[in-house]
Amino acid sequence: MFTSNTPENKKEMLAKIGVSSVSELFASLPEGLRYPVLNLPEALTEAALSRHVRELAAKNKPLLNFIGAGCEEHFIPAAVNALSSRGEFLTAYTPYQAEASQGTLQTIYEFQSCICELFDMDVCSASHYDGATALAEACAACLRINGKSTVLYSAGLHPHYKTVLKTYLKHVPGLKLEEIPLKDGVTDVHALKEKLTEQASCFAAATPNFLGQLEPMDEISSAVHGAGALLVSVVHPLSLGVLQTPGQYGADFAVAEGQSLGNAMNFGGPGLGLFTCKKEYVRQMPGRIVGVAKDKDGQRAFVLTLQAREQHIRRERAASNICSNEALCALNAVIYLTLLGPQGIKEVAQLNLERAHQLKDLLRAAGHKVEFEGPFFNEFVLRLNAPAKTAVKKLAKKGIGAGFDLGRVRKEWADLLLVCATETKTKEDLCAYVNALEGFVYGK
């Protein structure tokens, strides 16, 4: 560990405090709380440490990955990390002082502009922790807007999103959370209509949903708004290159996990929460909005236009006290979106769509059963002749990530496997997967 304090610095500070040693400084602490003697090996030189780290990294085994379920493998252009590591963007975290944080503010401004265009929504907040917290914040905003007491959500939401939603709203007085069941892999619209009473504040649904299926968002939007409730949509950002946008089907709030936009999987995080809404609800949006103004010399200057977080206003007035900037992940996302542009995003989305459908067709040709017949993006569900966890373990030994075992979500789904194929997969990769899964054909 590096510390800039020299022995002379320490001696001077201790003398100023009026003690003779660090031990004397902490003598009043209980013994169990004092720094223990660490049995650490002798420090390595930089060259030796580099060699040691390379040896450790060499133990990693490359994985042919078909796992999605909220965190997917996508190609990240080299320019993303090269640009996001530039000091004028990377060093600043939170723009408390706008005049000293122009690089960060420009990043957020461009990020918000790109996400608004991608989602076809009016306004975008600075990023949130992840997609799950963005969803919970959107539902909380709906409750503030119309003061109703029931939040409805689709059973097709990611299970982690459901958990976070319940945690966020757990202590709201009089609140009811109700799950709308699935039918054939998508939200049962008939059941939704029955639950859309006068007390329904909002309905939250994901498209594609956790099972990869595309929800009938036009029909859902019509039913929700017809009942006087608000619609919260959870989307896959890359899918918007080919699919209907939240703005097109009238979502009031649209949120997402932004990991797929130039951010590595990193063993599951950090994530990037994307949060958008209609302009009329901007005052209920947590986080920040960055705008453009002119300084006294007439030069362009970036400013914090709205600041609905507790660092800037009184805590009790804040829309949220736990939203976060996620500045580096947002920077990666805006660089990725800018590099690709509208046509590039469309092409990447088409590649994702094609790869997943190619894999589905190959699996069907090999005799596998695809559980749902509806349209999907990136992911689909296979029914196996054995527990999915067995297939996962067997293929892992072959260096293949088979997919997500849905038995971890519901016991009755024990033999269902959620499979993901993105633009990173080649025809050879798809064939290797089909061959590895040969012994798990349903009905054999």
Protein backbone atom coordinates (compact mmCIF):
# COMPACT_ATOMS: atom_id res chain seq x y z
CA MET A 1 0.00 0.00 0.00
CA PHE A 2 1.33 3.44 -0.94
CA THR A 3 1.06 6.38 1.42
CA SER A 4 2.53 9.79 0.78
CA ASN A 5 3.36 10.42 4.45
CA THR A 6 7.11 10.22 5.10
CA PRO A 7 8.51 9.35 8.55
CA GLU A 8 9.25 13.06 8.98
CA ASN A 9 5.64 13.95 8.14
CA LYS A 10 4.33 11.44 10.69
CA LYS A 11 6.72 12.68 13.37
CA GLU A 12 5.63 16.27 12.80
CA MET A 13 1.91 15.41 12.93
CA LEU A 14 2.25 13.32 16.10
CA ALA A 15 4.18 16.15 17.79
CA LYS A 16 1.43 18.58 16.82
CA ILE A 17 -1.20 16.27 18.28
CA GLY A 18 0.87 15.80 21.42
CA VAL A 19 1.64 12.06 21.35
CA SER A 20 4.87 10.20 20.79
CA SER A 21 3.67 7.39 18.52
CA VAL A 22 0.75 6.05 16.46
CA SER A 23 0.22 3.36 19.13
CA GLU A 24 -0.19 6.05 21.78
CA LEU A 25 -2.60 7.91 19.51
CA PHE A 26 -4.94 4.91 19.41
CA ALA A 27 -4.30 3.67 22.96
CA SER A 28 -7.80 4.63 24.10
CA LEU A 29 -9.40 2.21 21.62
CA PRO A 30 -10.37 -1.30 22.82
CA GLU A 31 -7.63 -3.73 21.90
CA GLY A 32 -9.86 -5.70 19.55
CA LEU A 33 -10.45 -2.58 17.43
CA ARG A 34 -6.83 -1.60 16.99
CA TYR A 35 -4.92 -2.43 13.84
CA PRO A 36 -3.76 -6.05 14.08
CA VAL A 37 -0.30 -7.17 13.06
CA LEU A 38 -0.73 -8.35 9.47
CA ASN A 39 1.19 -11.43 8.45
CA LEU A 40 1.90 -10.25 4.91
CA PRO A 41 4.60 -11.58 2.58
CA GLU A 42 7.53 -9.40 1.64
CA ALA A 43 6.64 -6.69 -0.88
CA LEU A 44 7.34 -7.47 -4.55
CA THR A 45 9.06 -5.25 -7.04
CA GLU A 46 6.93 -3.88 -9.88
CA ALA A 47 8.40 -6.39 -12.34
CA ALA A 48 7.83 -9.32 -9.96
CA LEU A 49 4.29 -8.16 -9.19
CA SER A 50 3.47 -7.87 -12.91
CA ARG A 51 4.74 -11.40 -13.49
CA HIS A 52 2.71 -12.71 -10.51
CA VAL A 53 -0.47 -11.08 -11.78
CA ARG A 54 0.08 -12.53 -15.28
CA GLU A 55 0.47 -15.98 -13.74
CA LEU A 56 -2.80 -15.57 -11.86
CA ALA A 57 -4.59 -14.30 -14.98
CA ALA A 58 -3.32 -17.29 -16.97
CA LYS A 59 -5.38 -19.54 -14.71
CA ASN A 60 -8.59 -18.05 -16.10
CA LYS A 61 -10.31 -20.35 -18.57
CA PRO A 62 -11.92 -18.73 -21.64
CA LEU A 63 -15.69 -19.33 -21.61
CA LEU A 64 -17.92 -19.58 -24.66
CA ASN A 65 -20.70 -17.63 -23.04
CA PHE A 66 -24.43 -18.09 -23.72
CA ILE A 67 -25.55 -16.62 -20.39
CA GLY A 68 -27.69 -13.47 -20.35
CA ALA A 69 -30.35 -12.89 -17.71
CA GLY A 70 -29.58 -9.20 -17.33
CA CYS A 71 -25.82 -9.06 -17.97
CA GLU A 72 -24.63 -9.95 -21.47
CA GLU A 73 -21.43 -10.26 -23.45
CA HIS A 74 -21.19 -7.60 -26.16
CA PHE A 75 -18.35 -6.32 -28.31
CA ILE A 76 -16.82 -3.09 -26.99
CA PRO A 77 -14.83 -1.03 -29.53
CA ALA A 78 -11.29 -0.25 -28.33
CA ALA A 79 -12.02 3.47 -28.67
CA VAL A 80 -14.51 3.33 -25.79
CA ASN A 81 -11.97 2.61 -23.07
CA ALA A 82 -9.28 4.70 -24.77
CA LEU A 83 -11.50 7.80 -24.70
CA SER A 84 -13.15 7.19 -21.32
CA SER A 85 -9.73 7.08 -19.65
CA ARG A 86 -8.92 10.65 -20.68
CA GLY A 87 -8.39 12.77 -17.58
CA GLU A 88 -10.81 15.59 -18.36
CA PHE A 89 -13.68 13.10 -18.30
CA LEU A 90 -12.46 10.38 -15.95
CA THR A 91 -11.22 12.27 -12.91
CA ALA A 92 -14.34 14.18 -11.82
CA TYR A 93 -17.09 12.17 -10.13
CA THR A 94 -19.87 14.42 -8.91
CA PRO A 95 -20.23 17.93 -10.40
CA TYR A 96 -20.84 19.84 -7.18
CA GLN A 97 -19.05 22.89 -8.60
CA ALA A 98 -20.22 23.33 -12.16
CA GLU A 99 -17.47 25.80 -13.08
CA ALA A 100 -14.82 23.21 -12.16
CA SER A 101 -16.59 20.19 -13.67
CA GLN A 102 -17.23 21.13 -17.28
CA GLY A 103 -15.88 17.80 -18.61
CA THR A 104 -18.20 15.77 -16.39
CA LEU A 105 -21.16 18.03 -17.13
CA GLN A 106 -20.58 17.75 -20.87
CA THR A 107 -20.43 13.97 -20.53
CA ILE A 108 -23.77 13.91 -18.69
CA TYR A 109 -25.37 16.34 -21.16
CA GLU A 110 -24.36 14.25 -24.15
CA PHE A 111 -25.34 11.05 -22.32
CA GLN A 112 -28.82 12.41 -21.59
CA SER A 113 -29.20 13.60 -25.20
CA CYS A 114 -28.24 10.19 -26.62
CA ILE A 115 -30.53 8.24 -24.29
CA CYS A 116 -33.48 10.54 -25.02
CA GLU A 117 -32.98 9.98 -28.75
CA LEU A 118 -32.55 6.22 -28.35
CA PHE A 119 -35.63 5.85 -26.13
CA ASP A 120 -37.67 8.49 -28.00
CA MET A 121 -38.48 10.10 -24.64
CA ASP A 122 -38.51 13.75 -23.56
CA VAL A 123 -36.05 13.90 -20.66
CA CYS A 124 -33.34 11.72 -19.15
CA SER A 125 -31.80 11.81 -15.70
CA ALA A 126 -28.13 11.37 -14.95
CA SER A 127 -27.53 7.68 -14.51
CA HIS A 128 -28.74 5.56 -11.59
CA TYR A 129 -27.09 2.59 -9.89
CA ASP A 130 -28.58 -0.01 -12.24
CA GLY A 131 -31.74 -0.98 -14.10
CA ALA A 132 -33.42 -2.35 -10.99
CA THR A 133 -33.07 0.86 -8.97
CA ALA A 134 -34.14 2.93 -11.99
CA LEU A 135 -37.35 0.87 -12.14
CA ALA A 136 -38.03 1.33 -8.43
CA GLU A 137 -37.43 5.08 -8.69
CA ALA A 138 -39.86 5.29 -11.62
CA CYS A 139 -42.61 3.49 -9.68
CA ALA A 140 -41.98 5.73 -6.67
CA ALA A 141 -42.34 8.76 -8.95
CA CYS A 142 -45.70 7.42 -10.19
CA LEU A 143 -46.95 7.20 -6.61
CA ARG A 144 -45.97 10.83 -6.02
CA ILE A 145 -47.66 11.95 -9.23
CA ASN A 146 -51.13 10.47 -8.77
CA GLY A 147 -51.21 9.57 -5.07
CA LYS A 148 -52.80 6.18 -5.71
CA SER A 149 -52.08 3.12 -3.60
CA THR A 150 -51.40 0.15 -5.89
CA VAL A 151 -48.36 -0.67 -8.01
CA LEU A 152 -48.89 -3.44 -10.54
CA TYR A 153 -45.96 -5.22 -12.18
CA SER A 154 -45.54 -8.05 -14.66
CA ALA A 155 -44.28 -11.46 -13.58
CA GLY A 156 -41.99 -11.10 -16.60
CA LEU A 157 -39.77 -8.58 -14.81
CA HIS A 158 -36.26 -9.71 -13.90
CA PRO A 159 -36.48 -11.36 -10.43
CA HIS A 160 -33.81 -8.98 -9.08
CA TYR A 161 -35.87 -6.01 -10.27
CA LYS A 162 -38.88 -7.36 -8.40
CA THR A 163 -36.85 -7.72 -5.21
CA VAL A 164 -35.46 -4.18 -5.44
CA LEU A 165 -38.93 -2.81 -6.18
CA LYS A 166 -40.35 -4.50 -3.09
CA THR A 167 -37.45 -3.28 -0.96
CA TYR A 168 -37.80 0.33 -2.14
CA LEU A 169 -41.54 0.52 -1.52
CA LYS A 170 -41.70 -1.71 1.56
CA HIS A 171 -42.49 1.05 4.03
CA VAL A 172 -44.82 3.20 1.91
CA PRO A 173 -48.02 3.50 4.05
CA GLY A 174 -51.02 1.69 2.56
CA LEU A 175 -49.16 0.56 -0.55
CA LYS A 176 -50.16 -2.63 -2.37
CA LEU A 177 -47.80 -4.41 -4.75
CA GLU A 178 -49.49 -6.89 -7.09
CA GLU A 179 -47.90 -9.20 -9.67
CA ILE A 180 -49.68 -9.84 -12.96
CA PRO A 181 -49.11 -13.42 -14.16
CA LEU A 182 -47.71 -14.59 -17.48
CA LYS A 183 -49.52 -16.44 -20.23
CA ASP A 184 -47.44 -18.12 -22.95
CA GLY A 185 -44.35 -16.28 -21.75
CA VAL A 186 -45.80 -12.74 -21.77
CA THR A 187 -48.05 -10.67 -19.51
CA ASP A 188 -51.62 -11.91 -19.30
CA VAL A 189 -53.35 -8.75 -20.55
CA HIS A 190 -56.79 -10.00 -19.49
CA ALA A 191 -55.56 -10.46 -15.91
CA LEU A 192 -53.96 -7.00 -16.07
CA LYS A 193 -57.22 -5.35 -17.11
CA GLU A 194 -59.00 -6.96 -14.15
CA LYS A 195 -56.44 -5.47 -11.75
CA LEU A 196 -56.49 -1.97 -13.26
CA THR A 197 -58.83 -0.47 -10.68
CA GLU A 198 -59.15 3.19 -9.70
CA GLN A 199 -56.38 2.70 -7.14
CA ALA A 200 -53.83 1.47 -9.68
CA SER A 201 -50.99 3.98 -9.78
CA CYS A 202 -48.89 2.34 -12.47
CA PHE A 203 -48.02 -0.86 -14.26
CA ALA A 204 -44.40 -1.92 -14.84
CA ALA A 205 -43.46 -4.32 -17.62
CA ALA A 206 -40.26 -5.30 -19.43
CA THR A 207 -39.91 -5.84 -23.17
CA PRO A 208 -38.10 -8.03 -23.92
CA ASN A 209 -39.03 -9.57 -20.59
CA PHE A 210 -36.86 -11.78 -18.41
CA LEU A 211 -37.65 -14.77 -20.63
CA GLY A 212 -36.59 -12.85 -23.74
CA GLN A 213 -40.16 -12.51 -25.02
CA LEU A 214 -41.52 -9.28 -26.52
CA GLU A 215 -44.55 -7.92 -24.71
CA PRO A 216 -47.62 -6.51 -26.55
CA MET A 217 -46.80 -2.97 -25.44
CA ASP A 218 -49.39 -1.18 -27.59
CA GLU A 219 -52.18 -3.24 -26.05
CA ILE A 220 -50.72 -2.88 -22.56
CA SER A 221 -50.30 0.89 -22.96
CA SER A 222 -53.90 1.29 -24.13
CA ALA A 223 -55.23 -0.71 -21.17
CA VAL A 224 -53.09 1.08 -18.58
CA HIS A 225 -53.81 4.60 -19.79
CA GLY A 226 -57.48 3.76 -20.32
CA ALA A 227 -57.68 2.98 -16.61
CA GLY A 228 -56.01 6.27 -15.65
CA ALA A 229 -52.73 4.66 -14.57
CA LEU A 230 -49.15 5.32 -15.67
CA LEU A 231 -46.96 2.97 -17.70
CA VAL A 232 -43.38 2.16 -16.66
CA SER A 233 -41.45 0.33 -19.35
CA VAL A 234 -38.20 -1.59 -18.84
CA VAL A 235 -36.34 -2.02 -22.11
CA HIS A 236 -33.15 -3.49 -23.55
CA PRO A 237 -31.25 -0.46 -24.97
CA LEU A 238 -29.78 -2.29 -27.96
CA SER A 239 -33.17 -3.71 -28.92
CA LEU A 240 -34.38 -0.19 -29.67
CA GLY A 241 -32.33 -0.27 -32.86
CA VAL A 242 -34.98 -2.55 -34.36
CA LEU A 243 -37.93 -2.57 -31.96
CA GLN A 244 -40.63 -0.07 -31.09
CA THR A 245 -39.42 2.65 -28.72
CA PRO A 246 -41.07 3.51 -25.38
CA GLY A 247 -42.01 6.89 -26.83
CA GLN A 248 -43.87 5.23 -29.70
CA TYR A 249 -46.17 3.23 -27.42
CA GLY A 250 -46.63 6.10 -24.96
CA ALA A 251 -44.65 5.01 -21.91
CA ASP A 252 -44.72 7.59 -19.13
CA PHE A 253 -41.42 6.34 -17.71
CA ALA A 254 -38.87 4.17 -19.51
CA VAL A 255 -35.87 2.66 -17.74
CA ALA A 256 -33.15 0.16 -18.53
CA GLU A 257 -29.88 -1.44 -17.56
CA GLY A 258 -27.15 0.17 -19.66
CA GLN A 259 -24.44 -2.50 -19.31
CA SER A 260 -24.89 -3.49 -22.96
CA LEU A 261 -23.81 0.00 -24.06
CA GLY A 262 -20.02 -0.25 -24.00
CA ASN A 263 -19.66 -1.57 -20.45
CA ALA A 264 -17.89 -4.85 -19.68
CA MET A 265 -19.60 -7.60 -17.69
CA ASN A 266 -16.97 -7.42 -14.91
CA PHE A 267 -18.32 -10.43 -12.98
CA GLY A 268 -21.72 -8.72 -12.73
CA GLY A 269 -21.12 -5.02 -12.23
CA PRO A 270 -21.08 -2.13 -11.84
CA GLY A 271 -24.31 -1.52 -13.70
CA LEU A 272 -25.74 1.62 -15.27
CA GLY A 273 -29.32 2.68 -14.63
CA LEU A 274 -31.02 4.53 -17.48
CA PHE A 275 -34.02 6.67 -16.53
CA THR A 276 -36.31 8.65 -18.87
CA CYS A 277 -39.79 10.12 -18.67
CA LYS A 278 -42.27 12.47 -20.30
CA LYS A 279 -41.55 16.17 -19.88
CA GLU A 280 -44.57 16.77 -17.64
CA TYR A 281 -43.08 14.48 -14.99
CA VAL A 282 -39.60 16.00 -14.95
CA ARG A 283 -40.07 17.49 -11.46
CA GLN A 284 -40.58 14.00 -10.06
CA MET A 285 -37.46 12.62 -11.69
CA PRO A 286 -34.63 11.80 -9.26
CA GLY A 287 -31.03 12.65 -9.95
CA ARG A 288 -29.88 15.54 -12.11
CA ILE A 289 -30.42 17.17 -15.46
CA VAL A 290 -27.56 19.01 -17.16
CA GLY A 291 -28.32 21.85 -19.54
CA VAL A 292 -26.39 24.30 -21.73
CA ALA A 293 -26.12 28.03 -21.07
CA LYS A 294 -23.70 30.86 -21.88
CA ASP A 295 -21.16 32.38 -19.52
CA LYS A 296 -20.53 36.13 -19.13
CA ASP A 297 -18.26 36.05 -22.19
CA GLY A 298 -20.91 34.40 -24.36
CA GLN A 299 -19.13 31.03 -24.39
CA ARG A 300 -21.02 27.76 -24.11
CA ALA A 301 -21.19 26.51 -20.51
CA PHE A 302 -22.75 23.38 -19.01
CA VAL A 303 -24.89 23.81 -15.91
CA LEU A 304 -26.93 21.71 -13.51
CA THR A 305 -30.46 22.67 -14.58
CA LEU A 306 -32.41 20.46 -12.17
CA GLN A 307 -30.89 18.90 -9.05
CA ALA A 308 -33.42 16.73 -7.23
CA ARG A 309 -30.95 15.00 -4.94
CA GLU A 310 -30.12 15.58 -1.33
CA GLN A 311 -26.61 16.91 -1.96
CA HIS A 312 -28.11 19.97 -3.62
CA ILE A 313 -31.42 20.52 -1.81
CA ARG A 314 -32.93 19.70 1.58
CA ARG A 315 -33.03 15.95 2.15
CA GLU A 316 -36.78 15.86 2.78
CA ARG A 317 -37.41 17.59 -0.57
CA ALA A 318 -35.27 15.22 -2.62
CA ALA A 319 -37.01 12.88 -5.04
CA SER A 320 -34.42 10.29 -4.03
CA ASN A 321 -31.61 10.17 -1.52
CA ILE A 322 -29.78 7.20 -3.01
CA CYS A 323 -29.56 7.79 -6.76
CA SER A 324 -26.00 7.88 -8.06
CA ASN A 325 -24.21 9.34 -11.04
CA GLU A 326 -22.39 6.17 -12.24
CA ALA A 327 -20.32 8.67 -14.22
CA LEU A 328 -17.71 6.34 -15.74
CA CYS A 329 -20.30 3.79 -16.92
CA ALA A 330 -22.40 6.62 -18.39
CA LEU A 331 -19.28 7.95 -20.13
CA ASN A 332 -18.65 4.53 -21.67
CA ALA A 333 -22.27 4.42 -22.82
CA VAL A 334 -22.27 7.83 -24.50
CA ILE A 335 -18.95 7.12 -26.26
CA TYR A 336 -20.30 3.76 -27.46
CA LEU A 337 -23.54 5.34 -28.74
CA THR A 338 -21.66 8.19 -30.42
CA LEU A 339 -19.21 5.84 -32.12
CA LEU A 340 -21.96 3.65 -33.53
CA GLY A 341 -24.55 6.30 -34.31
CA PRO A 342 -28.17 5.49 -35.25
CA GLN A 343 -27.21 3.21 -38.17
CA GLY A 344 -24.59 1.36 -36.10
CA ILE A 345 -27.03 0.72 -33.26
CA LYS A 346 -29.53 -0.62 -35.79
CA GLU A 347 -26.90 -2.96 -37.26
CA VAL A 348 -25.81 -4.26 -33.83
CA ALA A 349 -29.44 -4.86 -32.88
CA GLN A 350 -30.03 -6.76 -36.11
CA LEU A 351 -26.95 -8.91 -35.45
CA ASN A 352 -28.22 -9.74 -31.96
CA LEU A 353 -31.61 -10.62 -33.36
CA GLU A 354 -30.09 -12.79 -36.09
CA ARG A 355 -27.65 -14.68 -33.85
CA ALA A 356 -30.32 -15.62 -31.31
CA HIS A 357 -32.73 -16.77 -34.03
CA GLN A 358 -29.99 -18.71 -35.82
CA LEU A 359 -29.24 -20.55 -32.58
CA LYS A 360 -32.92 -21.24 -31.98
CA ASP A 361 -33.28 -22.69 -35.50
CA LEU A 362 -30.17 -24.87 -35.08
CA LEU A 363 -31.41 -26.20 -31.75
CA ARG A 364 -34.84 -26.96 -33.19
CA ALA A 365 -33.25 -28.77 -36.12
CA ALA A 366 -31.38 -30.89 -33.56
CA GLY A 367 -34.68 -31.83 -31.90
CA HIS A 368 -34.74 -29.37 -28.99
CA LYS A 369 -37.97 -27.87 -27.71
CA VAL A 370 -38.23 -24.08 -27.58
CA GLU A 371 -40.68 -23.29 -24.81
CA PHE A 372 -42.42 -20.17 -26.19
CA GLU A 373 -43.49 -19.41 -29.76
CA GLY A 374 -43.72 -15.62 -29.51
CA PRO A 375 -41.20 -13.10 -30.88
CA PHE A 376 -38.06 -12.58 -28.82
CA PHE A 377 -34.84 -10.58 -28.71
CA ASN A 378 -31.43 -12.00 -27.72
CA GLU A 379 -32.77 -14.68 -25.37
CA PHE A 380 -35.17 -17.62 -25.49
CA VAL A 381 -36.12 -20.55 -23.30
CA LEU A 382 -35.31 -24.21 -23.93
CA ARG A 383 -37.04 -27.14 -22.23
CA LEU A 384 -34.56 -29.92 -21.48
CA ASN A 385 -34.92 -33.61 -20.60
CA ALA A 386 -33.10 -33.02 -17.30
CA PRO A 387 -32.71 -30.24 -14.74
CA ALA A 388 -31.11 -27.18 -16.33
CA LYS A 389 -28.51 -27.08 -13.56
CA THR A 390 -27.23 -30.46 -14.78
CA ALA A 391 -26.73 -29.08 -18.29
CA VAL A 392 -25.04 -25.98 -16.89
CA LYS A 393 -22.53 -28.07 -14.92
CA LYS A 394 -21.83 -30.46 -17.78
CA LEU A 395 -21.23 -27.74 -20.38
CA ALA A 396 -19.11 -25.72 -17.95
CA LYS A 397 -16.63 -28.62 -17.97
CA LYS A 398 -16.40 -28.12 -21.73
CA GLY A 399 -15.74 -24.40 -21.39
CA ILE A 400 -19.27 -23.35 -22.34
CA GLY A 401 -21.65 -21.17 -20.35
CA ALA A 402 -24.87 -23.02 -21.20
CA GLY A 403 -27.28 -20.30 -20.09
CA PHE A 404 -29.26 -19.37 -17.01
CA ASP A 405 -30.93 -22.12 -14.98
CA LEU A 406 -34.51 -20.88 -14.54
CA GLY A 407 -34.98 -23.38 -11.72
CA ARG A 408 -33.17 -20.81 -9.59
CA VAL A 409 -36.21 -18.55 -10.04
CA ARG A 410 -39.08 -21.05 -9.79
CA LYS A 411 -39.04 -24.72 -8.83
CA GLU A 412 -41.48 -25.58 -11.62
CA TRP A 413 -38.97 -24.16 -14.12
CA ALA A 414 -36.23 -26.59 -13.11
CA ASP A 415 -35.87 -28.06 -16.60
CA LEU A 416 -35.96 -24.69 -18.39
CA LEU A 417 -32.78 -23.02 -19.64
CA LEU A 418 -32.61 -19.34 -20.64
CA VAL A 419 -30.18 -19.06 -23.57
CA CYS A 420 -28.60 -15.85 -24.88
CA ALA A 421 -26.73 -15.28 -28.15
CA THR A 422 -25.34 -11.83 -28.98
CA GLU A 423 -23.36 -10.33 -31.84
CA THR A 424 -20.17 -11.83 -30.34
CA LYS A 425 -21.09 -15.35 -31.47
CA THR A 426 -19.99 -16.89 -34.77
CA LYS A 427 -21.65 -19.70 -36.71
CA GLU A 428 -18.95 -22.03 -35.33
CA ASP A 429 -19.79 -20.93 -31.77
CA LEU A 430 -23.47 -21.68 -32.32
CA CYS A 431 -22.73 -25.13 -33.74
CA ALA A 432 -20.37 -25.92 -30.86
CA TYR A 433 -23.13 -25.06 -28.42
CA VAL A 434 -25.70 -27.24 -30.18
CA ASN A 435 -23.28 -30.19 -30.22
CA ALA A 436 -22.46 -29.77 -26.54
CA LEU A 437 -26.16 -29.76 -25.62
CA GLU A 438 -26.88 -32.89 -27.68
CA GLY A 439 -27.70 -35.15 -24.71
CA PHE A 440 -30.36 -32.85 -23.30
CA VAL A 441 -32.99 -32.98 -26.07
CA TYR A 442 -36.47 -32.87 -24.51
CA GLY A 443 -38.38 -36.16 -24.88
CA LYS A 444 -35.30 -38.31 -25.40
